[in-house]
Amino acid sequence: SGAQIGQITCSRPILKASVPSLCNVHLQRSQKNISQAYKKVGFNPPPTGQISPDFSVLVAECVRQIQARRRESRSVAAGKKCPKDGKVG
């Protein structure tokens, strides 16, 4: 399957005016990932939600988490072989 460019969307209905335009499941998942990244870099965000000066560190941690998940899914997929011809993928 090809790489998707842009925002993650799913077939769940959402309000077009909502920002970000994610369904509840994807919105909660992205908020959870951001809070985990905050904890890993040792930053306690203010309740007002203002961006901190360490924002670049947070972005780097989010990117690292995404890349780790991709590597993990690739390694799982590489271990699967087709039962018919024995090829990987």
N, C-alpha and C. Protein backbone atom coordinates (compact mmCIF):
# COMPACT_ATOMS: atom_id res chain seq x y z
N SER A 1 0.83 -1.18 0.00
CA SER A 1 0.00 0.00 0.00
C SER A 1 0.87 1.24 0.00
N GLY A 2 0.43 2.29 -0.66
CA GLY A 2 1.21 3.51 -0.78
C GLY A 2 1.20 4.33 0.49
N ALA A 3 2.14 5.22 0.57
CA ALA A 3 2.23 6.10 1.74
C ALA A 3 1.16 7.17 1.65
N GLN A 4 0.54 7.44 2.77
CA GLN A 4 -0.47 8.48 2.81
C GLN A 4 0.19 9.81 3.12
N ILE A 5 -0.25 10.82 2.41
CA ILE A 5 0.28 12.16 2.63
C ILE A 5 -0.82 12.98 3.28
N GLY A 6 -0.47 13.70 4.31
CA GLY A 6 -1.44 14.56 4.96
C GLY A 6 -1.96 13.97 6.24
N GLN A 7 -3.14 14.40 6.61
CA GLN A 7 -3.73 14.06 7.89
C GLN A 7 -4.37 12.67 7.86
N ILE A 8 -4.33 12.00 9.01
CA ILE A 8 -4.96 10.69 9.13
C ILE A 8 -6.47 10.89 9.15
N THR A 9 -7.15 10.19 8.28
CA THR A 9 -8.60 10.25 8.28
C THR A 9 -9.14 8.83 8.32
N CYS A 10 -10.31 8.68 8.80
CA CYS A 10 -10.96 7.37 8.79
C CYS A 10 -12.39 7.57 8.31
N SER A 11 -13.12 6.50 8.22
CA SER A 11 -14.47 6.59 7.66
C SER A 11 -15.51 6.99 8.69
N ARG A 12 -15.09 7.33 9.90
CA ARG A 12 -16.04 7.75 10.93
C ARG A 12 -16.49 9.19 10.67
N PRO A 13 -17.78 9.46 10.85
CA PRO A 13 -18.26 10.82 10.60
C PRO A 13 -17.75 11.81 11.65
N ILE A 14 -17.36 12.98 11.19
CA ILE A 14 -16.90 14.05 12.07
C ILE A 14 -17.48 15.36 11.58
N LEU A 15 -17.40 16.39 12.41
CA LEU A 15 -17.82 17.71 11.98
C LEU A 15 -16.72 18.32 11.15
N LYS A 16 -17.05 18.86 9.99
CA LYS A 16 -16.03 19.44 9.13
C LYS A 16 -15.42 20.69 9.73
N ALA A 17 -16.15 21.38 10.58
CA ALA A 17 -15.64 22.62 11.17
C ALA A 17 -14.72 22.36 12.36
N SER A 18 -14.67 21.13 12.83
CA SER A 18 -13.83 20.85 14.00
C SER A 18 -12.36 20.83 13.61
N VAL A 19 -11.54 21.32 14.51
CA VAL A 19 -10.10 21.34 14.26
C VAL A 19 -9.44 20.66 15.44
N PRO A 20 -8.63 19.68 15.31
CA PRO A 20 -8.29 18.98 14.08
C PRO A 20 -9.43 18.07 13.64
N SER A 21 -9.48 17.79 12.37
CA SER A 21 -10.58 16.98 11.85
C SER A 21 -10.25 15.50 12.03
N LEU A 22 -10.29 15.05 13.27
CA LEU A 22 -10.06 13.65 13.60
C LEU A 22 -11.30 13.12 14.31
N CYS A 23 -11.57 11.84 14.14
CA CYS A 23 -12.66 11.25 14.91
C CYS A 23 -12.22 11.15 16.36
N ASN A 24 -13.15 10.85 17.25
CA ASN A 24 -12.83 10.81 18.68
C ASN A 24 -11.72 9.83 19.00
N VAL A 25 -11.71 8.67 18.34
CA VAL A 25 -10.69 7.65 18.61
C VAL A 25 -9.30 8.17 18.24
N HIS A 26 -9.17 8.75 17.04
CA HIS A 26 -7.86 9.24 16.61
C HIS A 26 -7.44 10.47 17.40
N LEU A 27 -8.39 11.32 17.80
CA LEU A 27 -8.06 12.49 18.59
C LEU A 27 -7.53 12.08 19.96
N GLN A 28 -8.20 11.13 20.60
CA GLN A 28 -7.73 10.65 21.91
C GLN A 28 -6.37 9.99 21.80
N ARG A 29 -6.15 9.23 20.73
CA ARG A 29 -4.86 8.56 20.53
C ARG A 29 -3.74 9.58 20.34
N SER A 30 -4.00 10.64 19.56
CA SER A 30 -2.96 11.65 19.35
C SER A 30 -2.70 12.44 20.64
N GLN A 31 -3.74 12.72 21.42
CA GLN A 31 -3.54 13.40 22.70
C GLN A 31 -2.73 12.54 23.66
N LYS A 32 -2.98 11.24 23.65
CA LYS A 32 -2.24 10.32 24.51
C LYS A 32 -0.77 10.29 24.10
N ASN A 33 -0.50 10.25 22.79
CA ASN A 33 0.88 10.24 22.31
C ASN A 33 1.62 11.51 22.70
N ILE A 34 0.93 12.64 22.62
CA ILE A 34 1.55 13.92 22.98
C ILE A 34 1.85 13.96 24.47
N SER A 35 0.92 13.48 25.30
CA SER A 35 1.18 13.49 26.74
C SER A 35 2.31 12.55 27.11
N GLN A 36 2.43 11.41 26.41
CA GLN A 36 3.55 10.50 26.65
C GLN A 36 4.87 11.15 26.26
N ALA A 37 4.87 11.88 25.16
CA ALA A 37 6.08 12.57 24.73
C ALA A 37 6.47 13.65 25.74
N TYR A 38 5.49 14.36 26.27
CA TYR A 38 5.76 15.36 27.31
C TYR A 38 6.45 14.70 28.51
N LYS A 39 5.91 13.57 28.94
CA LYS A 39 6.48 12.89 30.11
C LYS A 39 7.90 12.41 29.83
N LYS A 40 8.16 11.91 28.62
CA LYS A 40 9.49 11.39 28.29
C LYS A 40 10.55 12.48 28.28
N VAL A 41 10.19 13.68 27.87
CA VAL A 41 11.17 14.77 27.84
C VAL A 41 11.20 15.53 29.16
N GLY A 42 10.36 15.12 30.12
CA GLY A 42 10.37 15.72 31.45
C GLY A 42 9.74 17.09 31.51
N PHE A 43 8.72 17.30 30.71
CA PHE A 43 8.06 18.60 30.66
C PHE A 43 6.64 18.45 31.18
N ASN A 44 6.25 19.31 32.09
CA ASN A 44 4.88 19.34 32.58
C ASN A 44 4.18 20.54 31.95
N PRO A 45 3.28 20.29 30.99
CA PRO A 45 2.65 21.40 30.28
C PRO A 45 1.73 22.21 31.18
N PRO A 46 1.65 23.52 30.96
CA PRO A 46 0.72 24.33 31.74
C PRO A 46 -0.71 24.00 31.34
N PRO A 47 -1.66 24.15 32.26
CA PRO A 47 -3.05 23.82 31.93
C PRO A 47 -3.66 24.75 30.88
N THR A 48 -3.03 25.89 30.61
CA THR A 48 -3.56 26.80 29.61
C THR A 48 -3.33 26.29 28.20
N GLY A 49 -2.40 25.35 28.02
CA GLY A 49 -2.15 24.77 26.72
C GLY A 49 -1.23 25.58 25.84
N GLN A 50 -0.52 26.55 26.41
CA GLN A 50 0.39 27.35 25.61
C GLN A 50 1.64 26.54 25.26
N ILE A 51 2.20 26.80 24.10
CA ILE A 51 3.38 26.07 23.64
C ILE A 51 4.60 26.53 24.43
N SER A 52 5.39 25.58 24.83
CA SER A 52 6.58 25.87 25.64
C SER A 52 7.77 26.16 24.74
N PRO A 53 8.86 26.72 25.30
CA PRO A 53 10.06 26.93 24.50
C PRO A 53 10.72 25.61 24.11
N ASP A 54 10.39 24.51 24.80
CA ASP A 54 10.96 23.20 24.48
C ASP A 54 10.12 22.46 23.44
N PHE A 55 9.38 23.18 22.64
CA PHE A 55 8.49 22.56 21.67
C PHE A 55 9.26 21.70 20.67
N SER A 56 10.45 22.12 20.27
CA SER A 56 11.23 21.33 19.31
C SER A 56 11.62 19.98 19.90
N VAL A 57 11.87 19.93 21.21
CA VAL A 57 12.19 18.67 21.87
C VAL A 57 10.96 17.76 21.85
N LEU A 58 9.80 18.33 22.08
CA LEU A 58 8.56 17.56 22.04
C LEU A 58 8.30 17.00 20.65
N VAL A 59 8.49 17.80 19.63
CA VAL A 59 8.28 17.35 18.26
C VAL A 59 9.25 16.22 17.93
N ALA A 60 10.50 16.35 18.35
CA ALA A 60 11.49 15.30 18.10
C ALA A 60 11.08 14.00 18.77
N GLU A 61 10.54 14.06 19.97
CA GLU A 61 10.11 12.86 20.68
C GLU A 61 8.90 12.23 19.99
N CYS A 62 7.96 13.05 19.52
CA CYS A 62 6.80 12.52 18.79
C CYS A 62 7.25 11.81 17.51
N VAL A 63 8.19 12.40 16.80
CA VAL A 63 8.71 11.79 15.58
C VAL A 63 9.40 10.47 15.91
N ARG A 64 10.15 10.44 17.01
CA ARG A 64 10.84 9.21 17.41
C ARG A 64 9.83 8.10 17.71
N GLN A 65 8.72 8.45 18.38
CA GLN A 65 7.68 7.46 18.69
C GLN A 65 7.04 6.92 17.42
N ILE A 66 6.76 7.79 16.48
CA ILE A 66 6.15 7.37 15.21
C ILE A 66 7.09 6.44 14.46
N GLN A 67 8.37 6.80 14.38
CA GLN A 67 9.34 5.97 13.68
C GLN A 67 9.50 4.61 14.36
N ALA A 68 9.47 4.59 15.68
CA ALA A 68 9.59 3.31 16.40
C ALA A 68 8.40 2.41 16.09
N ARG A 69 7.19 2.99 16.05
CA ARG A 69 6.01 2.20 15.71
C ARG A 69 6.10 1.66 14.29
N ARG A 70 6.60 2.47 13.35
CA ARG A 70 6.73 2.01 11.96
C ARG A 70 7.75 0.88 11.86
N ARG A 71 8.88 1.02 12.56
CA ARG A 71 9.89 -0.05 12.54
C ARG A 71 9.31 -1.34 13.11
N GLU A 72 8.55 -1.21 14.19
CA GLU A 72 7.95 -2.39 14.82
C GLU A 72 6.97 -3.07 13.88
N SER A 73 6.13 -2.29 13.21
CA SER A 73 5.16 -2.90 12.30
C SER A 73 5.85 -3.52 11.09
N ARG A 74 6.95 -2.93 10.62
CA ARG A 74 7.70 -3.51 9.51
C ARG A 74 8.34 -4.82 9.91
N SER A 75 8.88 -4.89 11.13
CA SER A 75 9.52 -6.13 11.57
C SER A 75 8.50 -7.24 11.74
N VAL A 76 7.30 -6.90 12.19
CA VAL A 76 6.23 -7.90 12.31
C VAL A 76 5.81 -8.36 10.92
N ALA A 77 5.68 -7.42 9.99
CA ALA A 77 5.27 -7.76 8.63
C ALA A 77 6.36 -8.57 7.92
N ALA A 78 7.62 -8.31 8.22
CA ALA A 78 8.72 -9.03 7.58
C ALA A 78 8.74 -10.49 8.03
N GLY A 79 8.24 -10.77 9.20
CA GLY A 79 8.23 -12.14 9.71
C GLY A 79 7.12 -12.99 9.11
N LYS A 80 6.15 -12.36 8.47
CA LYS A 80 5.03 -13.09 7.89
C LYS A 80 5.40 -13.53 6.47
N LYS A 81 5.16 -14.78 6.16
CA LYS A 81 5.42 -15.28 4.82
C LYS A 81 4.13 -15.81 4.23
N CYS A 82 4.04 -15.71 2.93
CA CYS A 82 2.87 -16.20 2.22
C CYS A 82 2.89 -17.73 2.25
N PRO A 83 1.78 -18.37 2.63
CA PRO A 83 1.78 -19.83 2.69
C PRO A 83 1.87 -20.50 1.32
N LYS A 84 1.49 -19.79 0.25
CA LYS A 84 1.51 -20.39 -1.08
C LYS A 84 2.92 -20.47 -1.66
N ASP A 85 3.61 -19.31 -1.70
CA ASP A 85 4.92 -19.30 -2.36
C ASP A 85 6.09 -19.07 -1.41
N GLY A 86 5.82 -18.80 -0.14
CA GLY A 86 6.90 -18.64 0.84
C GLY A 86 7.59 -17.30 0.79
N LYS A 87 7.08 -16.37 -0.02
CA LYS A 87 7.69 -15.05 -0.10
C LYS A 87 7.24 -14.18 1.06
N VAL A 88 8.10 -13.25 1.45
CA VAL A 88 7.78 -12.33 2.53
C VAL A 88 6.88 -11.24 1.99
N GLY A 89 5.92 -10.80 2.81
CA GLY A 89 5.11 -9.66 2.43
C GLY A 89 3.74 -10.03 2.16
